[in-house]
Amino acid sequence: MKYFIRSLSYTLFMLLLISLLSFGAIHMAPNSFMGGELNPNMTPESIAQLQFIYGLDKPLIKQYADWIINLLTLNFGISFVSGEQVSRVVADRLPVTLWMNIIAMFFTFILSLWMGIRGALSHEQKTDKLLNQISLLSFAMPSYYLALVAMMLLSVTLGWFPIAGMHSLEPPEGIGYYLDMAWHLTLPIMVMIFVGIGSLALYIRSLTLEILKSDYIYFARARGINESKIIRYYILPNLLPPIVTMLGLSLPGLIGGSVILESIFGIEGMGQLFYLSAMSRDYPVIMGILMMSAFLTLIGNQIADAVLLKLNPFIKK
């Protein structure tokens, strides 16, 4: 209970701090949706009316206090562009981004784990060198460049995947609707997986090499224990805690990485919404996405900490 209360207090404090910094950064940004920079046809009277409607004519402290009070009821405000509730706009886009990143993270974890362990077990051999080159290529490959190459090769030239979008022009009904969506999302998820495996595979390989130098590995091999049991009972239990920590630290980059890929592939997710909102200075939507991303990141880190406690009960709570 003490650990739960401390974790909850930390999460609430970080959310409050993030909200304060985000609110200040947004209001210090150049240009504004209410100014004449984006829409020269807006008159001073219409700008004053819009500022009154959205409460932007109040002092900043009052605006921040009202916004925090509305956040407690999950009211993120009204979008400047569409006029809809921000919570509804974000809720429509969030599932796509979450599913894409969860699927990509799962396969990234599995492939990186296999590549790192296999490379370490075949140290300085052809398999290790091949996997190491693939990892370095993945680590150095920009996601936007790989996305464009994959679109040109697999979509335009070979025609295996759709070039963009989430659905066909006339999507089928029933289960075919979801199969059509999966077909459209396969290529961007493949790009996310390939870009993500490089650093994690190299990290796992380095950790595995250190584990293989341990005395208990020598004793296990001297007792005639085969390689599969060494991996299962000696390597994996020592690998999982640092890997879980690294995965928890990588959560903040999910939305940031989605901004590029969703914009390139025309996927209507949180990343594309954040980019379009930033271009149009739709501050309520930007703030809503920032707070939602911060909340998911903090919850993900708390889950990672709970998993670490389960994997290693000797960690001090």
Protein backbone atom coordinates (compact mmCIF):
# COMPACT_ATOMS: atom_id res chain seq x y z
CA MET A 1 0.00 0.00 0.00
CA LYS A 2 2.87 2.39 0.81
CA TYR A 3 4.44 1.65 -2.57
CA PHE A 4 1.10 2.22 -4.33
CA ILE A 5 0.52 5.54 -2.55
CA ARG A 6 4.05 6.73 -3.32
CA SER A 7 3.69 5.75 -7.00
CA LEU A 8 0.32 7.50 -7.26
CA SER A 9 1.70 10.64 -5.62
CA TYR A 10 4.68 10.65 -8.00
CA THR A 11 2.40 10.24 -11.02
CA LEU A 12 0.09 13.07 -9.95
CA PHE A 13 3.04 15.38 -9.19
CA MET A 14 4.66 14.68 -12.57
CA LEU A 15 1.36 15.26 -14.39
CA LEU A 16 0.98 18.60 -12.62
CA LEU A 17 4.56 19.59 -13.47
CA ILE A 18 4.16 18.51 -17.12
CA SER A 19 0.90 20.43 -17.40
CA LEU A 20 2.53 23.59 -16.04
CA LEU A 21 5.53 23.37 -18.37
CA SER A 22 3.37 22.50 -21.39
CA PHE A 23 0.91 25.29 -20.69
CA GLY A 24 3.73 27.81 -20.39
CA ALA A 25 5.51 26.58 -23.52
CA ILE A 26 2.32 26.70 -25.58
CA HIS A 27 1.57 30.31 -24.61
CA MET A 28 5.16 31.40 -25.31
CA ALA A 29 5.14 29.87 -28.80
CA PRO A 30 5.25 32.34 -31.72
CA ASN A 31 2.11 32.95 -33.81
CA SER A 32 -1.38 32.02 -32.67
CA PHE A 33 -4.60 30.65 -34.07
CA MET A 34 -6.30 33.84 -32.89
CA GLY A 35 -3.73 36.13 -34.50
CA GLY A 36 -3.51 37.35 -38.05
CA GLU A 37 -0.47 35.23 -38.90
CA LEU A 38 -2.47 32.16 -39.90
CA ASN A 39 -5.62 33.91 -41.12
CA PRO A 40 -5.05 37.49 -42.35
CA ASN A 41 -8.81 37.90 -42.99
CA MET A 42 -9.68 37.83 -39.28
CA THR A 43 -10.75 41.21 -37.95
CA PRO A 44 -9.87 42.49 -34.47
CA GLU A 45 -13.55 42.19 -33.50
CA SER A 46 -13.72 38.52 -34.48
CA ILE A 47 -10.42 37.80 -32.69
CA ALA A 48 -11.73 39.45 -29.51
CA GLN A 49 -14.97 37.45 -29.77
CA LEU A 50 -13.10 34.16 -30.17
CA GLN A 51 -10.80 34.98 -27.26
CA PHE A 52 -13.87 35.65 -25.09
CA ILE A 53 -15.53 32.38 -26.16
CA TYR A 54 -12.45 30.28 -25.40
CA GLY A 55 -11.51 32.22 -22.27
CA LEU A 56 -8.24 33.48 -23.71
CA ASP A 57 -8.93 37.04 -22.55
CA LYS A 58 -8.40 36.02 -18.90
CA PRO A 59 -5.04 36.21 -17.08
CA LEU A 60 -2.76 33.22 -17.67
CA ILE A 61 -3.05 32.05 -14.06
CA LYS A 62 -6.84 32.02 -14.33
CA GLN A 63 -6.67 30.20 -17.67
CA TYR A 64 -4.36 27.56 -16.19
CA ALA A 65 -6.54 27.11 -13.09
CA ASP A 66 -9.68 26.68 -15.21
CA TRP A 67 -7.89 24.22 -17.49
CA ILE A 68 -6.67 22.11 -14.55
CA ILE A 69 -10.18 22.02 -13.05
CA ASN A 70 -11.59 20.88 -16.41
CA LEU A 71 -8.89 18.18 -16.66
CA LEU A 72 -10.22 16.59 -13.48
CA THR A 73 -13.44 15.84 -15.39
CA LEU A 74 -11.52 14.78 -18.54
CA ASN A 75 -12.63 17.95 -20.28
CA PHE A 76 -9.71 19.02 -22.48
CA GLY A 77 -11.61 21.90 -24.06
CA ILE A 78 -12.87 22.55 -27.58
CA SER A 79 -10.77 22.36 -30.72
CA PHE A 80 -10.13 25.68 -32.44
CA VAL A 81 -10.27 24.05 -35.88
CA SER A 82 -13.12 21.53 -35.76
CA GLY A 83 -15.16 22.91 -32.87
CA GLU A 84 -15.44 19.41 -31.35
CA GLN A 85 -14.57 18.27 -27.87
CA VAL A 86 -10.85 17.52 -27.67
CA SER A 87 -11.50 14.38 -25.62
CA ARG A 88 -13.67 13.00 -28.43
CA VAL A 89 -11.10 13.88 -31.11
CA VAL A 90 -8.28 12.25 -29.13
CA ALA A 91 -10.40 9.19 -28.28
CA ASP A 92 -11.09 8.62 -31.99
CA ARG A 93 -7.38 8.71 -32.87
CA LEU A 94 -5.82 7.06 -29.82
CA PRO A 95 -6.70 3.36 -30.44
CA VAL A 96 -4.92 3.22 -33.81
CA THR A 97 -1.69 4.65 -32.45
CA LEU A 98 -1.81 2.47 -29.34
CA TRP A 99 -2.38 -0.76 -31.27
CA MET A 100 0.33 0.04 -33.79
CA ASN A 101 2.88 0.77 -31.07
CA ILE A 102 1.88 -2.20 -28.90
CA ILE A 103 2.18 -4.62 -31.82
CA ALA A 104 5.45 -3.06 -32.97
CA MET A 105 6.90 -3.12 -29.44
CA PHE A 106 5.93 -6.80 -28.96
CA PHE A 107 7.62 -7.97 -32.15
CA THR A 108 10.57 -5.63 -31.57
CA PHE A 109 11.09 -7.20 -28.16
CA ILE A 110 10.86 -10.78 -29.49
CA LEU A 111 13.16 -10.19 -32.48
CA SER A 112 15.69 -8.14 -30.50
CA LEU A 113 15.80 -10.79 -27.79
CA TRP A 114 16.46 -13.54 -30.33
CA MET A 115 19.02 -11.51 -32.28
CA GLY A 116 20.91 -10.38 -29.17
CA ILE A 117 21.10 -13.83 -27.56
CA ARG A 118 21.88 -15.63 -30.80
CA GLY A 119 24.58 -13.12 -31.67
CA ALA A 120 26.20 -13.42 -28.23
CA LEU A 121 26.14 -17.24 -28.31
CA SER A 122 27.84 -17.22 -31.73
CA HIS A 123 30.30 -14.46 -30.79
CA GLU A 124 32.70 -13.47 -33.64
CA GLN A 125 31.15 -16.06 -35.97
CA LYS A 126 29.33 -15.44 -39.25
CA THR A 127 25.91 -15.43 -37.58
CA ASP A 128 27.03 -12.85 -35.03
CA LYS A 129 28.56 -10.61 -37.70
CA LEU A 130 25.43 -10.81 -39.87
CA LEU A 131 23.08 -10.00 -36.97
CA ASN A 132 25.40 -7.23 -35.85
CA GLN A 133 25.33 -5.63 -39.29
CA ILE A 134 21.54 -5.81 -39.37
CA SER A 135 21.37 -4.21 -35.92
CA LEU A 136 23.74 -1.40 -36.92
CA LEU A 137 21.75 -0.79 -40.11
CA SER A 138 18.54 -0.61 -38.10
CA PHE A 139 20.15 1.70 -35.54
CA ALA A 140 21.40 4.11 -38.21
CA MET A 141 18.33 4.03 -40.48
CA PRO A 142 16.04 7.09 -40.22
CA SER A 143 12.41 6.03 -40.00
CA TYR A 144 11.21 8.51 -42.63
CA TYR A 145 13.81 7.32 -45.16
CA LEU A 146 13.00 3.65 -44.60
CA ALA A 147 9.29 4.43 -44.87
CA LEU A 148 9.77 6.11 -48.27
CA VAL A 149 11.98 3.26 -49.54
CA ALA A 150 9.46 0.66 -48.34
CA MET A 151 6.60 2.53 -50.03
CA MET A 152 8.48 2.76 -53.33
CA LEU A 153 9.59 -0.89 -53.28
CA LEU A 154 6.73 -2.81 -51.64
CA SER A 155 3.78 -0.58 -52.58
CA VAL A 156 4.57 1.19 -55.86
CA THR A 157 6.87 -1.39 -57.52
CA LEU A 158 5.64 -4.73 -56.18
CA GLY A 159 2.12 -3.71 -55.15
CA TRP A 160 2.13 -5.92 -52.05
CA PHE A 161 0.79 -3.28 -49.68
CA PRO A 162 -1.35 -0.12 -49.98
CA ILE A 163 0.69 3.03 -50.34
CA ALA A 164 -1.16 5.02 -47.66
CA GLY A 165 -4.32 5.30 -45.59
CA MET A 166 -6.09 2.98 -43.18
CA HIS A 167 -8.83 1.58 -45.42
CA SER A 168 -9.59 0.89 -49.03
CA LEU A 169 -11.85 3.25 -50.95
CA GLU A 170 -14.72 0.81 -50.45
CA PRO A 171 -13.83 -1.17 -47.32
CA PRO A 172 -15.65 -4.49 -46.80
CA GLU A 173 -18.02 -5.08 -43.90
CA GLY A 174 -17.73 -7.34 -40.91
CA ILE A 175 -14.41 -9.02 -40.23
CA GLY A 176 -13.20 -7.97 -43.67
CA TYR A 177 -13.15 -4.38 -42.42
CA TYR A 178 -10.54 -5.21 -39.78
CA LEU A 179 -8.56 -7.43 -42.16
CA ASP A 180 -8.44 -4.54 -44.62
CA MET A 181 -7.22 -2.22 -41.85
CA ALA A 182 -4.54 -4.75 -40.83
CA TRP A 183 -3.39 -4.96 -44.47
CA HIS A 184 -3.02 -1.17 -44.62
CA LEU A 185 -1.17 -0.97 -41.30
CA THR A 186 1.24 -3.85 -41.94
CA LEU A 187 3.83 -1.78 -43.82
CA PRO A 188 4.13 1.06 -41.26
CA ILE A 189 4.31 -1.47 -38.42
CA MET A 190 7.10 -3.32 -40.27
CA VAL A 191 9.00 -0.04 -40.54
CA MET A 192 8.51 0.63 -36.82
CA ILE A 193 9.78 -2.86 -35.95
CA PHE A 194 12.89 -2.65 -38.12
CA VAL A 195 13.82 0.80 -36.84
CA GLY A 196 13.33 -0.33 -33.23
CA ILE A 197 15.26 -3.61 -33.15
CA GLY A 198 18.74 -2.15 -33.71
CA SER A 199 19.52 -0.47 -30.41
CA LEU A 200 17.70 -3.08 -28.32
CA ALA A 201 19.40 -6.02 -30.05
CA LEU A 202 22.85 -4.46 -29.54
CA TYR A 203 22.03 -3.79 -25.90
CA ILE A 204 20.84 -7.38 -25.33
CA ARG A 205 23.90 -8.76 -27.10
CA SER A 206 26.20 -6.73 -24.84
CA LEU A 207 24.36 -7.88 -21.70
CA THR A 208 24.38 -11.50 -22.83
CA LEU A 209 28.12 -11.42 -23.46
CA GLU A 210 28.66 -10.22 -19.89
CA ILE A 211 26.38 -12.95 -18.54
CA LEU A 212 28.24 -15.62 -20.52
CA LYS A 213 31.45 -14.62 -18.71
CA SER A 214 29.89 -15.41 -15.31
CA ASP A 215 31.06 -18.33 -13.21
CA TYR A 216 27.63 -19.94 -13.02
CA ILE A 217 27.57 -20.25 -16.83
CA TYR A 218 30.90 -22.10 -16.76
CA PHE A 219 29.63 -24.39 -14.01
CA ALA A 220 26.40 -25.02 -15.90
CA ARG A 221 28.26 -25.97 -19.05
CA ALA A 222 30.67 -28.12 -17.04
CA ARG A 223 27.67 -30.05 -15.70
CA GLY A 224 26.59 -30.77 -19.27
CA ILE A 225 23.49 -28.54 -19.33
CA ASN A 226 22.44 -27.94 -22.94
CA GLU A 227 22.20 -24.52 -24.55
CA SER A 228 18.40 -24.23 -24.49
CA LYS A 229 18.30 -24.74 -20.71
CA ILE A 230 21.15 -22.28 -20.20
CA ILE A 231 19.17 -19.67 -22.15
CA ARG A 232 15.95 -20.41 -20.26
CA TYR A 233 17.23 -20.72 -16.70
CA TYR A 234 20.42 -18.62 -16.66
CA ILE A 235 20.39 -15.99 -19.41
CA LEU A 236 16.74 -14.88 -19.65
CA PRO A 237 16.19 -14.32 -15.88
CA ASN A 238 19.23 -12.01 -15.83
CA LEU A 239 18.29 -10.23 -19.05
CA LEU A 240 14.67 -9.36 -18.34
CA PRO A 241 15.12 -6.70 -15.58
CA PRO A 242 17.39 -4.35 -17.60
CA ILE A 243 15.32 -4.96 -20.74
CA VAL A 244 12.08 -4.05 -18.95
CA THR A 245 13.77 -0.89 -17.66
CA MET A 246 14.87 0.06 -21.17
CA LEU A 247 11.40 -0.59 -22.60
CA GLY A 248 9.89 1.61 -19.91
CA LEU A 249 12.28 4.43 -20.79
CA SER A 250 11.42 4.08 -24.50
CA LEU A 251 7.70 4.74 -23.97
CA PRO A 252 7.96 8.54 -24.36
CA GLY A 253 9.21 8.07 -27.92
CA LEU A 254 6.10 6.22 -29.09
CA ILE A 255 3.98 9.26 -29.88
CA GLY A 256 7.00 11.17 -31.18
CA GLY A 257 7.87 8.36 -33.58
CA SER A 258 4.27 8.08 -34.69
CA VAL A 259 4.22 11.72 -35.80
CA ILE A 260 6.58 11.01 -38.71
CA LEU A 261 5.26 7.63 -39.84
CA GLU A 262 1.57 8.49 -39.51
CA SER A 263 2.13 11.66 -41.53
CA ILE A 264 3.99 9.76 -44.27
CA PHE A 265 1.52 6.86 -44.49
CA GLY A 266 -1.58 9.04 -44.02
CA ILE A 267 -2.75 7.17 -40.91
CA GLU A 268 -5.34 9.00 -38.84
CA GLY A 269 -3.74 8.48 -35.47
CA MET A 270 -2.43 10.57 -32.60
CA GLY A 271 0.84 11.34 -34.36
CA GLN A 272 -0.82 12.82 -37.44
CA LEU A 273 -3.33 14.70 -35.27
CA PHE A 274 -0.49 16.21 -33.23
CA TYR A 275 1.32 17.34 -36.38
CA LEU A 276 -1.79 18.90 -37.96
CA SER A 277 -2.72 20.59 -34.67
CA ALA A 278 0.78 22.03 -34.33
CA MET A 279 0.66 23.40 -37.87
CA SER A 280 -2.73 25.04 -37.27
CA ARG A 281 -1.88 26.18 -33.69
CA ASP A 282 -4.85 24.22 -32.31
CA TYR A 283 -3.70 24.63 -28.72
CA PRO A 284 -6.48 22.69 -26.92
CA VAL A 285 -5.78 19.60 -29.06
CA ILE A 286 -2.01 19.95 -28.57
CA MET A 287 -2.42 20.21 -24.80
CA GLY A 288 -4.83 17.28 -24.77
CA ILE A 289 -2.40 15.07 -26.68
CA LEU A 290 0.53 16.14 -24.49
CA MET A 291 -1.34 15.30 -21.30
CA MET A 292 -2.64 12.01 -22.66
CA SER A 293 0.85 11.04 -23.80
CA ALA A 294 2.32 12.04 -20.44
CA PHE A 295 -0.31 10.00 -18.59
CA LEU A 296 0.29 6.89 -20.72
CA THR A 297 4.06 7.28 -20.33
CA LEU A 298 3.88 7.59 -16.54
CA ILE A 299 1.48 4.66 -16.27
CA GLY A 300 3.77 2.61 -18.53
CA ASN A 301 6.75 3.41 -16.32
CA GLN A 302 4.81 2.41 -13.21
CA ILE A 303 3.87 -0.88 -14.88
CA ALA A 304 7.54 -1.42 -15.77
CA ASP A 305 8.49 -0.81 -12.13
CA ALA A 306 5.86 -3.29 -10.96
CA VAL A 307 7.18 -5.90 -13.42
CA LEU A 308 10.71 -5.30 -12.12
CA LEU A 309 9.53 -5.91 -8.56
CA LYS A 310 7.97 -9.16 -9.72
CA LEU A 311 11.10 -10.24 -11.57
CA ASN A 312 13.45 -9.23 -8.78
CA PRO A 313 11.83 -9.19 -5.30
CA PHE A 314 15.11 -7.95 -3.76
CA ILE A 315 14.68 -4.50 -5.34
CA LYS A 316 13.95 -1.97 -2.59
CA LYS A 317 10.42 -0.61 -2.90
